[in-house]
Amino acid sequence: MDAKLQKTLTSQFGPPSEPIDVGHFVQDASNTTAVTSASSSGENEYSVDEIKNALSTVWNDAKLSAYLSKTHDDNVTVCHGGAKSTKARSTKISMEVSNDIAVKELQNNLDGIKLASWKLHPEAALFTRPPRTSDHNTITQIQITEGCIDDSGTPQAVIIFSVHVPVPWRTALLTRSSMHAILSSQTLGDLFEVIPCESNNIPDEFVDEDGNLEYKVNDKRKGSSGHVICIDELAYGDAFSEDDYADKLLQHLKIVNSKVQVRKADTATLDTPLSSLSLKINHPYWLLHQGSCEHFIVIEHIRMKAFSDPTEGFPLTLQITPSQLDICRACAKTPAIWAITGDIRLAESPCLLCGPCWRVMGNPVEDDVTVIPLPTGNI
C-alpha cells in the first residue's frame, strides 16, 4: 500500500492494528479464567448501577434534559467564539427554566465537580465539530435478527463493525451508514445479510403488455443478486452461481490490467466463519454487490461475549444513519418519490418530484414519458 493511501485511510478510520486471529483470540481469552470469570462480590463492587440510575433520572426528565442540551450548546458556541445575543423571548424562557428548583440543584451538582477537564476550555475548539448525519440514529432500540439463537454453549467473541459508503457528491469521501454486532461463530454471509442498503430498494423493471417499461416497488426487502468481500487479498464470493461476483471481479481486474493482487478464496461467504479469519481493527474491507454498490466494512473492536449479552438475535443492528433523500425540484420542500423522464413540461429529464407536485402536473401528453419510483429510504 502506498504512503498516500495509507495516510488517507489512517485519517479516516485511525491507525490499523496488527492482524488479530479471531479463533486464537477466543481460545486464549477463554483460557484466562482470571479475566473471564468474576465473583458476585466483585461485580457488586464495580457496579455502575448507581451512576446509571442517576443519569437516567436526570435525562428522563424533560425539563432537566432540555436544560442540559441548551447549556451544552451555549458552551460549545462560546468555546468557538461565536456567541450571539439571543432574542428576548428565548432569554425569558431560559430565565424561567434556570429559576426552577430542580434545575438549580442540578447546576449546583455540576458546579461541584472538581475535575479540571469537566468544563470546556478554549483549546477544545480544535477537537470539536458540528454534528454530522452519521451521528444520528434512525432506530430507537437495537434491532435483532429473527431466528438466530446461540445455543452452542461455547465461548465466543462479539465483533463490532461499522459500514461506510461513498458520499454521492464526492466518492473519495466515506460516511458511516450503519453499525452492527456479530458473533465469531457466524459467517461472512451473515455479516453481509445484516447490512442495510438502499440499493436493495431499487424497483424491479419489467415490460408490460403494450411493450412499455414499467417499474414495481417491492414492499419487502429483496435478496441480493450477489456479492464479494475482499479480505487480505482474498475475494470471498457468494457461490450463488458458477461464475459468481468473485470470479467477475477477477475477470474485470484482468481486463483493465490492474496491479492489484487478488485471488479467489477457497470458501464462499456463507461457509467462512469469522473465527477462521485474521482481522485488523480500523482497517476497511471492501464489499461489492448489486452491480456497482460499494461498502467498506471496518472492525471497531473485538471482545468476548459477556453474560449480559443477548442469547439470540445476532447479528445485531446498533445504528442506522438517516437516508439523505432528494428534494422535489418543483416545491423544493418535500422529499421526491418519483423520477420523471421524457416529459417536455419539466425543465430536466429525469426530474425528481414529490407526490403532490406530480398529481398537480396531471397526466403527461407524450406517450414516451416514464415514471420511476424512487427508493424511500426504508432500509
Foldseek 3Di string as FASTA:
>chain_A
DDPVVQVVLCVAQNHKDDWAQQLVVQVVVVVPCVPFDDDPVVCVVPPCVVVVVVVCVQCVDPLNVVLVVVVVVQQLCVLQVNDDDDDPVVVVVNVVSCPDPVNVVVVVVLVPDPDPPSGDDSVCNVVDDDDDLLVDFPDPDKAFDPPFFFPPPGWKKKWKKWKWAADPVGRVDIDTFFIKIFIQQAFLVLVVVVDDDLLQQFWDWDADPVRAIATDTDPDRDDFPWKWKDDPQEIATAPPDPCGPQNVVVVVCVVVVHPRRHDYDPHHRRPGGNSRGTDMASDWIWMQTPDGGIMTMGTHDMGIDHPPDDRHRPGMIDGGRFDDADAAPPPRPHGFFKFKADAPVDPDHRGTHHDVVVVVVPDGPDPNIYIGTHRPRPD
